[in-house]
Amino acid sequence: MNAAVRAVVRMGLYVGAKVYFIHEGYQGMVDGGDNIREATWESVSSMLQVGGTVIGSARCKDFRSHEGRLKAAHNLVQHGITNLCVIGGDGSLTGANLFREEWSGLLTELVEQGSGAQ
């Protein structure tokens, strides 16, 4: 996993994107705060020799609900994040697809609530 995370970060930075780590997977996206941190070239420089995933992973019951995905959308908007690269298995990709399908509606809902998605 660390090799994949490193490759995504390095390629993103290479093409001029601002890249973020979302620690603890969807749980970190729902919780926001310190779970979402900007990635740098240096932050992935010693990642390959470490086992597992340095950004963590977690099952997220909250993300299965509309309210949880709305919180996740809010946290992404707050950081100016417009694209996601999800690395994982079937559950991760199913969640990503649902989030993609709902994205426009979630943004509309945030605007209606005055949550800063503009």
PDB file of N, CA and C in Angstrom:
ATOM      1  N   MET A   1       0.814  -1.200   0.000  1.00  0.00           N
ATOM      2  CA  MET A   1       0.000   0.000   0.000  1.00  0.00           C
ATOM      3  C   MET A   1       0.854   1.259   0.000  1.00  0.00           C
ATOM      4  N   ASN A   2       1.931   1.247   0.768  1.00  0.00           N
ATOM      5  CA  ASN A   2       2.768   2.448   0.829  1.00  0.00           C
ATOM      6  C   ASN A   2       3.359   2.806  -0.526  1.00  0.00           C
ATOM      7  N   ALA A   3       3.710   1.799  -1.315  1.00  0.00           N
ATOM      8  CA  ALA A   3       4.257   2.074  -2.646  1.00  0.00           C
ATOM      9  C   ALA A   3       3.207   2.759  -3.520  1.00  0.00           C
ATOM     10  N   ALA A   4       1.969   2.326  -3.409  1.00  0.00           N
ATOM     11  CA  ALA A   4       0.889   2.951  -4.184  1.00  0.00           C
ATOM     12  C   ALA A   4       0.639   4.377  -3.715  1.00  0.00           C
ATOM     13  N   VAL A   5       0.616   4.592  -2.416  1.00  0.00           N
ATOM     14  CA  VAL A   5       0.417   5.936  -1.865  1.00  0.00           C
ATOM     15  C   VAL A   5       1.547   6.851  -2.325  1.00  0.00           C
ATOM     16  N   ARG A   6       2.770   6.364  -2.244  1.00  0.00           N
ATOM     17  CA  ARG A   6       3.935   7.153  -2.661  1.00  0.00           C
ATOM     18  C   ARG A   6       3.848   7.516  -4.138  1.00  0.00           C
ATOM     19  N   ALA A   7       3.475   6.565  -4.960  1.00  0.00           N
ATOM     20  CA  ALA A   7       3.383   6.818  -6.397  1.00  0.00           C
ATOM     21  C   ALA A   7       2.316   7.861  -6.715  1.00  0.00           C
ATOM     22  N   VAL A   8       1.180   7.780  -6.053  1.00  0.00           N
ATOM     23  CA  VAL A   8       0.109   8.757  -6.277  1.00  0.00           C
ATOM     24  C   VAL A   8       0.568  10.151  -5.856  1.00  0.00           C
ATOM     25  N   VAL A   9       1.178  10.251  -4.692  1.00  0.00           N
ATOM     26  CA  VAL A   9       1.646  11.552  -4.199  1.00  0.00           C
ATOM     27  C   VAL A   9       2.690  12.128  -5.150  1.00  0.00           C
ATOM     28  N   ARG A  10       3.671  11.343  -5.506  1.00  0.00           N
ATOM     29  CA  ARG A  10       4.745  11.854  -6.363  1.00  0.00           C
ATOM     30  C   ARG A  10       4.224  12.268  -7.738  1.00  0.00           C
ATOM     31  N   MET A  11       3.327  11.483  -8.333  1.00  0.00           N
ATOM     32  CA  MET A  11       2.787  11.847  -9.641  1.00  0.00           C
ATOM     33  C   MET A  11       1.919  13.099  -9.532  1.00  0.00           C
ATOM     34  N   GLY A  12       1.120  13.186  -8.481  1.00  0.00           N
ATOM     35  CA  GLY A  12       0.308  14.380  -8.275  1.00  0.00           C
ATOM     36  C   GLY A  12       1.160  15.631  -8.167  1.00  0.00           C
ATOM     37  N   LEU A  13       2.205  15.549  -7.377  1.00  0.00           N
ATOM     38  CA  LEU A  13       3.105  16.689  -7.222  1.00  0.00           C
ATOM     39  C   LEU A  13       3.824  17.003  -8.536  1.00  0.00           C
ATOM     40  N   TYR A  14       4.208  15.970  -9.266  1.00  0.00           N
ATOM     41  CA  TYR A  14       4.894  16.148 -10.546  1.00  0.00           C
ATOM     42  C   TYR A  14       4.037  16.933 -11.544  1.00  0.00           C
ATOM     43  N   VAL A  15       2.735  16.679 -11.552  1.00  0.00           N
ATOM     44  CA  VAL A  15       1.852  17.384 -12.494  1.00  0.00           C
ATOM     45  C   VAL A  15       1.348  18.715 -11.930  1.00  0.00           C
ATOM     46  N   GLY A  16       1.813  19.089 -10.738  1.00  0.00           N
ATOM     47  CA  GLY A  16       1.483  20.390 -10.178  1.00  0.00           C
ATOM     48  C   GLY A  16       0.253  20.437  -9.298  1.00  0.00           C
ATOM     49  N   ALA A  17      -0.240  19.286  -8.896  1.00  0.00           N
ATOM     50  CA  ALA A  17      -1.420  19.244  -8.025  1.00  0.00           C
ATOM     51  C   ALA A  17      -1.014  19.432  -6.566  1.00  0.00           C
ATOM     52  N   LYS A  18      -1.942  19.938  -5.784  1.00  0.00           N
ATOM     53  CA  LYS A  18      -1.777  19.964  -4.332  1.00  0.00           C
ATOM     54  C   LYS A  18      -2.338  18.621  -3.865  1.00  0.00           C
ATOM     55  N   VAL A  19      -1.543  17.863  -3.134  1.00  0.00           N
ATOM     56  CA  VAL A  19      -1.913  16.497  -2.760  1.00  0.00           C
ATOM     57  C   VAL A  19      -2.076  16.413  -1.244  1.00  0.00           C
ATOM     58  N   TYR A  20      -3.084  15.670  -0.827  1.00  0.00           N
ATOM     59  CA  TYR A  20      -3.357  15.497   0.604  1.00  0.00           C
ATOM     60  C   TYR A  20      -3.394  14.016   0.957  1.00  0.00           C
ATOM     61  N   PHE A  21      -2.948  13.715   2.167  1.00  0.00           N
ATOM     62  CA  PHE A  21      -3.191  12.406   2.772  1.00  0.00           C
ATOM     63  C   PHE A  21      -4.523  12.500   3.496  1.00  0.00           C
ATOM     64  N   ILE A  22      -5.325  11.472   3.402  1.00  0.00           N
ATOM     65  CA  ILE A  22      -6.492  11.359   4.277  1.00  0.00           C
ATOM     66  C   ILE A  22      -6.232  10.135   5.142  1.00  0.00           C
ATOM     67  N   HIS A  23      -5.838  10.396   6.379  1.00  0.00           N
ATOM     68  CA  HIS A  23      -5.492   9.323   7.307  1.00  0.00           C
ATOM     69  C   HIS A  23      -6.745   8.583   7.756  1.00  0.00           C
ATOM     70  N   GLU A  24      -6.604   7.291   7.910  1.00  0.00           N
ATOM     71  CA  GLU A  24      -7.665   6.387   8.359  1.00  0.00           C
ATOM     72  C   GLU A  24      -8.824   6.280   7.378  1.00  0.00           C
ATOM     73  N   GLY A  25      -8.546   6.444   6.093  1.00  0.00           N
ATOM     74  CA  GLY A  25      -9.529   6.187   5.041  1.00  0.00           C
ATOM     75  C   GLY A  25     -10.783   7.041   5.149  1.00  0.00           C
ATOM     76  N   TYR A  26     -11.922   6.423   4.875  1.00  0.00           N
ATOM     77  CA  TYR A  26     -13.187   7.163   4.894  1.00  0.00           C
ATOM     78  C   TYR A  26     -13.482   7.736   6.281  1.00  0.00           C
ATOM     79  N   GLN A  27     -13.035   7.058   7.338  1.00  0.00           N
ATOM     80  CA  GLN A  27     -13.252   7.590   8.684  1.00  0.00           C
ATOM     81  C   GLN A  27     -12.561   8.937   8.832  1.00  0.00           C
ATOM     82  N   GLY A  28     -11.349   9.046   8.324  1.00  0.00           N
ATOM     83  CA  GLY A  28     -10.620  10.308   8.367  1.00  0.00           C
ATOM     84  C   GLY A  28     -11.269  11.382   7.521  1.00  0.00           C
ATOM     85  N   MET A  29     -11.881  10.965   6.422  1.00  0.00           N
ATOM     86  CA  MET A  29     -12.568  11.934   5.561  1.00  0.00           C
ATOM     87  C   MET A  29     -13.822  12.462   6.259  1.00  0.00           C
ATOM     88  N   VAL A  30     -14.528  11.608   6.974  1.00  0.00           N
ATOM     89  CA  VAL A  30     -15.721  12.025   7.724  1.00  0.00           C
ATOM     90  C   VAL A  30     -15.321  12.879   8.923  1.00  0.00           C
ATOM     91  N   ASP A  31     -14.288  12.473   9.646  1.00  0.00           N
ATOM     92  CA  ASP A  31     -13.875  13.190  10.857  1.00  0.00           C
ATOM     93  C   ASP A  31     -13.149  14.497  10.553  1.00  0.00           C
ATOM     94  N   GLY A  32     -12.434  14.552   9.439  1.00  0.00           N
ATOM     95  CA  GLY A  32     -11.709  15.769   9.053  1.00  0.00           C
ATOM     96  C   GLY A  32     -10.605  16.109  10.026  1.00  0.00           C
ATOM     97  N   GLY A  33     -10.409  17.389  10.263  1.00  0.00           N
ATOM     98  CA  GLY A  33      -9.373  17.859  11.191  1.00  0.00           C
ATOM     99  C   GLY A  33      -7.983  17.428  10.773  1.00  0.00           C
ATOM    100  N   ASP A  34      -7.216  16.914  11.737  1.00  0.00           N
ATOM    101  CA  ASP A  34      -5.837  16.498  11.484  1.00  0.00           C
ATOM    102  C   ASP A  34      -5.731  15.243  10.630  1.00  0.00           C
ATOM    103  N   ASN A  35      -6.840  14.615  10.316  1.00  0.00           N
ATOM    104  CA  ASN A  35      -6.805  13.433   9.454  1.00  0.00           C
ATOM    105  C   ASN A  35      -6.533  13.794   7.996  1.00  0.00           C
ATOM    106  N   ILE A  36      -6.704  15.056   7.655  1.00  0.00           N
ATOM    107  CA  ILE A  36      -6.468  15.506   6.284  1.00  0.00           C
ATOM    108  C   ILE A  36      -5.269  16.456   6.328  1.00  0.00           C
ATOM    109  N   ARG A  37      -4.150  15.998   5.745  1.00  0.00           N
ATOM    110  CA  ARG A  37      -2.912  16.782   5.788  1.00  0.00           C
ATOM    111  C   ARG A  37      -2.263  16.821   4.412  1.00  0.00           C
ATOM    112  N   GLU A  38      -1.670  17.952   4.113  1.00  0.00           N
ATOM    113  CA  GLU A  38      -0.996  18.086   2.830  1.00  0.00           C
ATOM    114  C   GLU A  38       0.208  17.152   2.763  1.00  0.00           C
ATOM    115  N   ALA A  39       0.384  16.518   1.605  1.00  0.00           N
ATOM    116  CA  ALA A  39       1.518  15.624   1.368  1.00  0.00           C
ATOM    117  C   ALA A  39       2.612  16.375   0.627  1.00  0.00           C
ATOM    118  N   THR A  40       3.835  16.036   0.921  1.00  0.00           N
ATOM    119  CA  THR A  40       4.978  16.631   0.229  1.00  0.00           C
ATOM    120  C   THR A  40       5.852  15.515  -0.325  1.00  0.00           C
ATOM    121  N   TRP A  41       6.773  15.895  -1.182  1.00  0.00           N
ATOM    122  CA  TRP A  41       7.722  14.935  -1.739  1.00  0.00           C
ATOM    123  C   TRP A  41       8.480  14.244  -0.599  1.00  0.00           C
ATOM    124  N   GLU A  42       8.874  15.028   0.378  1.00  0.00           N
ATOM    125  CA  GLU A  42       9.638  14.492   1.502  1.00  0.00           C
ATOM    126  C   GLU A  42       8.804  13.575   2.396  1.00  0.00           C
ATOM    127  N   SER A  43       7.515  13.849   2.499  1.00  0.00           N
ATOM    128  CA  SER A  43       6.681  13.047   3.402  1.00  0.00           C
ATOM    129  C   SER A  43       6.512  11.608   2.924  1.00  0.00           C
ATOM    130  N   VAL A  44       6.850  11.323   1.672  1.00  0.00           N
ATOM    131  CA  VAL A  44       6.752   9.955   1.164  1.00  0.00           C
ATOM    132  C   VAL A  44       8.120   9.357   0.846  1.00  0.00           C
ATOM    133  N   SER A  45       9.203  10.065   1.207  1.00  0.00           N
ATOM    134  CA  SER A  45      10.544   9.641   0.797  1.00  0.00           C
ATOM    135  C   SER A  45      11.031   8.355   1.463  1.00  0.00           C
ATOM    136  N   SER A  46      10.574   8.052   2.651  1.00  0.00           N
ATOM    137  CA  SER A  46      11.052   6.842   3.328  1.00  0.00           C
ATOM    138  C   SER A  46       9.919   5.847   3.572  1.00  0.00           C
ATOM    139  N   MET A  47       8.945   5.847   2.703  1.00  0.00           N
ATOM    140  CA  MET A  47       7.739   5.067   2.882  1.00  0.00           C
ATOM    141  C   MET A  47       7.855   3.621   2.394  1.00  0.00           C
ATOM    142  N   LEU A  48       8.696   3.379   1.396  1.00  0.00           N
ATOM    143  CA  LEU A  48       8.713   2.078   0.738  1.00  0.00           C
ATOM    144  C   LEU A  48       9.098   0.921   1.651  1.00  0.00           C
ATOM    145  N   GLN A  49       9.999   1.162   2.581  1.00  0.00           N
ATOM    146  CA  GLN A  49      10.477   0.067   3.426  1.00  0.00           C
ATOM    147  C   GLN A  49       9.586  -0.195   4.641  1.00  0.00           C
ATOM    148  N   VAL A  50       8.523   0.590   4.789  1.00  0.00           N
ATOM    149  CA  VAL A  50       7.618   0.432   5.927  1.00  0.00           C
ATOM    150  C   VAL A  50       6.466  -0.477   5.528  1.00  0.00           C
ATOM    151  N   GLY A  51       6.140  -1.442   6.375  1.00  0.00           N
ATOM    152  CA  GLY A  51       5.035  -2.356   6.087  1.00  0.00           C
ATOM    153  C   GLY A  51       3.680  -1.708   6.321  1.00  0.00           C
ATOM    154  N   GLY A  52       2.656  -2.310   5.777  1.00  0.00           N
ATOM    155  CA  GLY A  52       1.281  -1.818   5.963  1.00  0.00           C
ATOM    156  C   GLY A  52       1.049  -0.540   5.207  1.00  0.00           C
ATOM    157  N   THR A  53       0.341   0.372   5.832  1.00  0.00           N
ATOM    158  CA  THR A  53       0.112   1.681   5.227  1.00  0.00           C
ATOM    159  C   THR A  53       0.330   2.758   6.274  1.00  0.00           C
ATOM    160  N   VAL A  54       1.195   3.708   5.975  1.00  0.00           N
ATOM    161  CA  VAL A  54       1.535   4.739   6.950  1.00  0.00           C
ATOM    162  C   VAL A  54       0.385   5.735   7.162  1.00  0.00           C
ATOM    163  N   ILE A  55      -0.575   5.783   6.254  1.00  0.00           N
ATOM    164  CA  ILE A  55      -1.706   6.699   6.451  1.00  0.00           C
ATOM    165  C   ILE A  55      -2.885   6.006   7.120  1.00  0.00           C
ATOM    166  N   GLY A  56      -2.736   4.719   7.383  1.00  0.00           N
ATOM    167  CA  GLY A  56      -3.766   3.981   8.095  1.00  0.00           C
ATOM    168  C   GLY A  56      -4.971   3.650   7.221  1.00  0.00           C
ATOM    169  N   SER A  57      -5.821   2.848   7.766  1.00  0.00           N
ATOM    170  CA  SER A  57      -7.068   2.490   7.104  1.00  0.00           C
ATOM    171  C   SER A  57      -8.063   2.141   8.205  1.00  0.00           C
ATOM    172  N   ALA A  58      -9.339   2.273   7.895  1.00  0.00           N
ATOM    173  CA  ALA A  58     -10.356   1.965   8.904  1.00  0.00           C
ATOM    174  C   ALA A  58     -11.689   1.727   8.223  1.00  0.00           C
ATOM    175  N   ARG A  59     -12.437   0.820   8.745  1.00  0.00           N
ATOM    176  CA  ARG A  59     -13.815   0.665   8.289  1.00  0.00           C
ATOM    177  C   ARG A  59     -14.574   1.872   8.829  1.00  0.00           C
ATOM    178  N   CYS A  60     -15.579   2.302   8.089  1.00  0.00           N
ATOM    179  CA  CYS A  60     -16.270   3.515   8.513  1.00  0.00           C
ATOM    180  C   CYS A  60     -17.775   3.349   8.369  1.00  0.00           C
ATOM    181  N   LYS A  61     -18.403   3.104   9.491  1.00  0.00           N
ATOM    182  CA  LYS A  61     -19.857   2.968   9.505  1.00  0.00           C
ATOM    183  C   LYS A  61     -20.535   4.289   9.124  1.00  0.00           C
ATOM    184  N   ASP A  62     -19.958   5.415   9.562  1.00  0.00           N
ATOM    185  CA  ASP A  62     -20.534   6.735   9.274  1.00  0.00           C
ATOM    186  C   ASP A  62     -20.623   7.003   7.779  1.00  0.00           C
ATOM    187  N   PHE A  63     -19.619   6.551   7.004  1.00  0.00           N
ATOM    188  CA  PHE A  63     -19.590   6.832   5.570  1.00  0.00           C
ATOM    189  C   PHE A  63     -20.697   6.085   4.827  1.00  0.00           C
ATOM    190  N   ARG A  64     -21.257   5.085   5.462  1.00  0.00           N
ATOM    191  CA  ARG A  64     -22.352   4.324   4.840  1.00  0.00           C
ATOM    192  C   ARG A  64     -23.671   5.091   4.867  1.00  0.00           C
ATOM    193  N   SER A  65     -23.732   6.150   5.673  1.00  0.00           N
ATOM    194  CA  SER A  65     -24.946   6.962   5.751  1.00  0.00           C
ATOM    195  C   SER A  65     -24.791   8.240   4.939  1.00  0.00           C
ATOM    196  N   HIS A  66     -25.914   8.770   4.510  1.00  0.00           N
ATOM    197  CA  HIS A  66     -25.906  10.022   3.753  1.00  0.00           C
ATOM    198  C   HIS A  66     -25.272  11.140   4.581  1.00  0.00           C
ATOM    199  N   GLU A  67     -25.599  11.194   5.866  1.00  0.00           N
ATOM    200  CA  GLU A  67     -25.060  12.238   6.740  1.00  0.00           C
ATOM    201  C   GLU A  67     -23.544  12.147   6.831  1.00  0.00           C
ATOM    202  N   GLY A  68     -23.009  10.932   6.900  1.00  0.00           N
ATOM    203  CA  GLY A  68     -21.567  10.746   6.951  1.00  0.00           C
ATOM    204  C   GLY A  68     -20.894  11.206   5.670  1.00  0.00           C
ATOM    205  N   ARG A  69     -21.502  10.870   4.538  1.00  0.00           N
ATOM    206  CA  ARG A  69     -20.927  11.305   3.257  1.00  0.00           C
ATOM    207  C   ARG A  69     -21.034  12.818   3.097  1.00  0.00           C
ATOM    208  N   LEU A  70     -22.073  13.412   3.666  1.00  0.00           N
ATOM    209  CA  LEU A  70     -22.203  14.870   3.638  1.00  0.00           C
ATOM    210  C   LEU A  70     -21.084  15.519   4.450  1.00  0.00           C
ATOM    211  N   LYS A  71     -20.770  14.961   5.616  1.00  0.00           N
ATOM    212  CA  LYS A  71     -19.649  15.463   6.428  1.00  0.00           C
ATOM    213  C   LYS A  71     -18.337  15.319   5.669  1.00  0.00           C
ATOM    214  N   ALA A  72     -18.154  14.179   5.006  1.00  0.00           N
ATOM    215  CA  ALA A  72     -16.934  13.952   4.232  1.00  0.00           C
ATOM    216  C   ALA A  72     -16.820  14.983   3.113  1.00  0.00           C
ATOM    217  N   ALA A  73     -17.910  15.234   2.415  1.00  0.00           N
ATOM    218  CA  ALA A  73     -17.903  16.230   1.338  1.00  0.00           C
ATOM    219  C   ALA A  73     -17.538  17.603   1.891  1.00  0.00           C
ATOM    220  N   HIS A  74     -18.112  17.948   3.022  1.00  0.00           N
ATOM    221  CA  HIS A  74     -17.821  19.238   3.659  1.00  0.00           C
ATOM    222  C   HIS A  74     -16.321  19.355   3.952  1.00  0.00           C
ATOM    223  N   ASN A  75     -15.727  18.308   4.506  1.00  0.00           N
ATOM    224  CA  ASN A  75     -14.303  18.342   4.838  1.00  0.00           C
ATOM    225  C   ASN A  75     -13.429  18.464   3.597  1.00  0.00           C
ATOM    226  N   LEU A  76     -13.816  17.813   2.511  1.00  0.00           N
ATOM    227  CA  LEU A  76     -13.053  17.939   1.274  1.00  0.00           C
ATOM    228  C   LEU A  76     -13.143  19.363   0.732  1.00  0.00           C
ATOM    229  N   VAL A  77     -14.347  19.923   0.742  1.00  0.00           N
ATOM    230  CA  VAL A  77     -14.544  21.296   0.256  1.00  0.00           C
ATOM    231  C   VAL A  77     -13.712  22.270   1.086  1.00  0.00           C
ATOM    232  N   GLN A  78     -13.687  22.085   2.394  1.00  0.00           N
ATOM    233  CA  GLN A  78     -12.931  22.970   3.279  1.00  0.00           C
ATOM    234  C   GLN A  78     -11.443  22.992   2.920  1.00  0.00           C
ATOM    235  N   HIS A  79     -10.926  21.889   2.394  1.00  0.00           N
ATOM    236  CA  HIS A  79      -9.518  21.802   2.014  1.00  0.00           C
ATOM    237  C   HIS A  79      -9.299  22.074   0.528  1.00  0.00           C
ATOM    238  N   GLY A  80     -10.345  22.340  -0.202  1.00  0.00           N
ATOM    239  CA  GLY A  80     -10.211  22.598  -1.636  1.00  0.00           C
ATOM    240  C   GLY A  80      -9.892  21.349  -2.439  1.00  0.00           C
ATOM    241  N   ILE A  81     -10.243  20.187  -1.902  1.00  0.00           N
ATOM    242  CA  ILE A  81      -9.966  18.919  -2.576  1.00  0.00           C
ATOM    243  C   ILE A  81     -11.075  18.644  -3.585  1.00  0.00           C
ATOM    244  N   THR A  82     -10.678  18.441  -4.832  1.00  0.00           N
ATOM    245  CA  THR A  82     -11.652  18.239  -5.912  1.00  0.00           C
ATOM    246  C   THR A  82     -11.581  16.851  -6.529  1.00  0.00           C
ATOM    247  N   ASN A  83     -10.534  16.101  -6.231  1.00  0.00           N
ATOM    248  CA  ASN A  83     -10.367  14.761  -6.799  1.00  0.00           C
ATOM    249  C   ASN A  83      -9.871  13.806  -5.723  1.00  0.00           C
ATOM    250  N   LEU A  84     -10.294  12.553  -5.836  1.00  0.00           N
ATOM    251  CA  LEU A  84      -9.837  11.523  -4.907  1.00  0.00           C
ATOM    252  C   LEU A  84      -9.176  10.395  -5.679  1.00  0.00           C
ATOM    253  N   CYS A  85      -8.173   9.816  -5.083  1.00  0.00           N
ATOM    254  CA  CYS A  85      -7.597   8.569  -5.575  1.00  0.00           C
ATOM    255  C   CYS A  85      -7.783   7.572  -4.440  1.00  0.00           C
ATOM    256  N   VAL A  86      -8.679   6.631  -4.636  1.00  0.00           N
ATOM    257  CA  VAL A  86      -8.985   5.649  -3.595  1.00  0.00           C
ATOM    258  C   VAL A  86      -8.193   4.380  -3.878  1.00  0.00           C
ATOM    259  N   ILE A  87      -7.418   3.963  -2.908  1.00  0.00           N
ATOM    260  CA  ILE A  87      -6.624   2.741  -3.019  1.00  0.00           C
ATOM    261  C   ILE A  87      -7.213   1.743  -2.039  1.00  0.00           C
ATOM    262  N   GLY A  88      -7.736   0.658  -2.533  1.00  0.00           N
ATOM    263  CA  GLY A  88      -8.325  -0.329  -1.640  1.00  0.00           C
ATOM    264  C   GLY A  88      -9.002  -1.432  -2.405  1.00  0.00           C
ATOM    265  N   GLY A  89      -9.847  -2.140  -1.721  1.00  0.00           N
ATOM    266  CA  GLY A  89     -10.550  -3.269  -2.311  1.00  0.00           C
ATOM    267  C   GLY A  89     -11.967  -2.917  -2.715  1.00  0.00           C
ATOM    268  N   ASP A  90     -12.788  -3.938  -2.796  1.00  0.00           N
ATOM    269  CA  ASP A  90     -14.153  -3.784  -3.284  1.00  0.00           C
ATOM    270  C   ASP A  90     -14.972  -2.809  -2.442  1.00  0.00           C
ATOM    271  N   GLY A  91     -14.857  -2.894  -1.133  1.00  0.00           N
ATOM    272  CA  GLY A  91     -15.613  -1.983  -0.264  1.00  0.00           C
ATOM    273  C   GLY A  91     -15.199  -0.534  -0.462  1.00  0.00           C
ATOM    274  N   SER A  92     -13.905  -0.306  -0.590  1.00  0.00           N
ATOM    275  CA  SER A  92     -13.405   1.055  -0.806  1.00  0.00           C
ATOM    276  C   SER A  92     -13.904   1.610  -2.131  1.00  0.00           C
ATOM    277  N   LEU A  93     -13.838   0.790  -3.161  1.00  0.00           N
ATOM    278  CA  LEU A  93     -14.251   1.247  -4.490  1.00  0.00           C
ATOM    279  C   LEU A  93     -15.764   1.409  -4.591  1.00  0.00           C
ATOM    280  N   THR A  94     -16.515   0.567  -3.907  1.00  0.00           N
ATOM    281  CA  THR A  94     -17.973   0.730  -3.863  1.00  0.00           C
ATOM    282  C   THR A  94     -18.324   2.050  -3.190  1.00  0.00           C
ATOM    283  N   GLY A  95     -17.656   2.359  -2.078  1.00  0.00           N
ATOM    284  CA  GLY A  95     -17.871   3.633  -1.388  1.00  0.00           C
ATOM    285  C   GLY A  95     -17.509   4.812  -2.260  1.00  0.00           C
ATOM    286  N   ALA A  96     -16.415   4.705  -2.988  1.00  0.00           N
ATOM    287  CA  ALA A  96     -15.976   5.789  -3.871  1.00  0.00           C
ATOM    288  C   ALA A  96     -16.996   6.018  -4.989  1.00  0.00           C
ATOM    289  N   ASN A  97     -17.533   4.950  -5.538  1.00  0.00           N
ATOM    290  CA  ASN A  97     -18.509   5.082  -6.611  1.00  0.00           C
ATOM    291  C   ASN A  97     -19.794   5.733  -6.110  1.00  0.00           C
ATOM    292  N   LEU A  98     -20.255   5.341  -4.935  1.00  0.00           N
ATOM    293  CA  LEU A  98     -21.450   5.955  -4.359  1.00  0.00           C
ATOM    294  C   LEU A  98     -21.213   7.439  -4.098  1.00  0.00           C
ATOM    295  N   PHE A  99     -20.055   7.773  -3.562  1.00  0.00           N
ATOM    296  CA  PHE A  99     -19.697   9.160  -3.285  1.00  0.00           C
ATOM    297  C   PHE A  99     -19.670   9.969  -4.584  1.00  0.00           C
ATOM    298  N   ARG A 100     -19.118   9.384  -5.643  1.00  0.00           N
ATOM    299  CA  ARG A 100     -19.081  10.031  -6.949  1.00  0.00           C
ATOM    300  C   ARG A 100     -20.495  10.293  -7.469  1.00  0.00           C
ATOM    301  N   GLU A 101     -21.352   9.308  -7.329  1.00  0.00           N
ATOM    302  CA  GLU A 101     -22.734   9.450  -7.801  1.00  0.00           C
ATOM    303  C   GLU A 101     -23.475  10.545  -7.043  1.00  0.00           C
ATOM    304  N   GLU A 102     -23.202  10.694  -5.769  1.00  0.00           N
ATOM    305  CA  GLU A 102     -23.909  11.671  -4.928  1.00  0.00           C
ATOM    306  C   GLU A 102     -23.252  13.046  -4.890  1.00  0.00           C
ATOM    307  N   TRP A 103     -22.046  13.177  -5.416  1.00  0.00           N
ATOM    308  CA  TRP A 103     -21.236  14.376  -5.230  1.00  0.00           C
ATOM    309  C   TRP A 103     -21.994  15.671  -5.523  1.00  0.00           C
ATOM    310  N   SER A 104     -22.608  15.787  -6.676  1.00  0.00           N
ATOM    311  CA  SER A 104     -23.316  17.026  -7.041  1.00  0.00           C
ATOM    312  C   SER A 104     -24.413  17.349  -6.039  1.00  0.00           C
ATOM    313  N   GLY A 105     -25.165  16.342  -5.647  1.00  0.00           N
ATOM    314  CA  GLY A 105     -26.232  16.542  -4.673  1.00  0.00           C
ATOM    315  C   GLY A 105     -25.699  16.941  -3.307  1.00  0.00           C
ATOM    316  N   LEU A 106     -24.568  16.361  -2.915  1.00  0.00           N
ATOM    317  CA  LEU A 106     -23.960  16.712  -1.630  1.00  0.00           C
ATOM    318  C   LEU A 106     -23.512  18.168  -1.637  1.00  0.00           C
ATOM    319  N   LEU A 107     -22.915  18.606  -2.747  1.00  0.00           N
ATOM    320  CA  LEU A 107     -22.488  20.007  -2.837  1.00  0.00           C
ATOM    321  C   LEU A 107     -23.685  20.945  -2.795  1.00  0.00           C
ATOM    322  N   THR A 108     -24.749  20.596  -3.498  1.00  0.00           N
ATOM    323  CA  THR A 108     -25.970  21.409  -3.479  1.00  0.00           C
ATOM    324  C   THR A 108     -26.509  21.517  -2.057  1.00  0.00           C
ATOM    325  N   GLU A 109     -26.514  20.400  -1.362  1.00  0.00           N
ATOM    326  CA  GLU A 109     -27.002  20.379   0.027  1.00  0.00           C
ATOM    327  C   GLU A 109     -26.132  21.260   0.928  1.00  0.00           C
ATOM    328  N   LEU A 110     -24.824  21.208   0.755  1.00  0.00           N
ATOM    329  CA  LEU A 110     -23.927  22.037   1.561  1.00  0.00           C
ATOM    330  C   LEU A 110     -24.164  23.520   1.296  1.00  0.00           C
ATOM    331  N   VAL A 111     -24.369  23.887   0.039  1.00  0.00           N
ATOM    332  CA  VAL A 111     -24.652  25.282  -0.297  1.00  0.00           C
ATOM    333  C   VAL A 111     -25.960  25.715   0.350  1.00  0.00           C
ATOM    334  N   GLU A 112     -26.974  24.873   0.266  1.00  0.00           N
ATOM    335  CA  GLU A 112     -28.270  25.206   0.865  1.00  0.00           C
ATOM    336  C   GLU A 112     -28.170  25.365   2.373  1.00  0.00           C
ATOM    337  N   GLN A 113     -27.283  24.602   2.993  1.00  0.00           N
ATOM    338  CA  GLN A 113     -27.081  24.694   4.443  1.00  0.00           C
ATOM    339  C   GLN A 113     -26.162  25.853   4.815  1.00  0.00           C
ATOM    340  N   GLY A 114     -25.548  26.454   3.809  1.00  0.00           N
ATOM    341  CA  GLY A 114     -24.587  27.541   4.088  1.00  0.00           C
ATOM    342  C   GLY A 114     -23.283  27.028   4.642  1.00  0.00           C
ATOM    343  N   SER A 115     -22.876  25.808   4.247  1.00  0.00           N
ATOM    344  CA  SER A 115     -21.662  25.198   4.771  1.00  0.00           C
ATOM    345  C   SER A 115     -20.405  25.521   4.000  1.00  0.00           C
ATOM    346  N   GLY A 116     -20.459  26.486   3.096  1.00  0.00           N
ATOM    347  CA  GLY A 116     -19.243  26.937   2.439  1.00  0.00           C
ATOM    348  C   GLY A 116     -18.887  26.262   1.138  1.00  0.00           C
ATOM    349  N   ALA A 117     -19.758  25.435   0.566  1.00  0.00           N
ATOM    350  CA  ALA A 117     -19.447  24.807  -0.723  1.00  0.00           C
ATOM    351  C   ALA A 117     -19.953  25.723  -1.833  1.00  0.00           C
ATOM    352  N   GLN A 118     -19.039  26.512  -2.396  1.00  0.00           N
ATOM    353  CA  GLN A 118     -19.444  27.425  -3.466  1.00  0.00           C
ATOM    354  C   GLN A 118     -18.471  27.414  -4.593  1.00  0.00           C
TER     355      GLN A 118
END
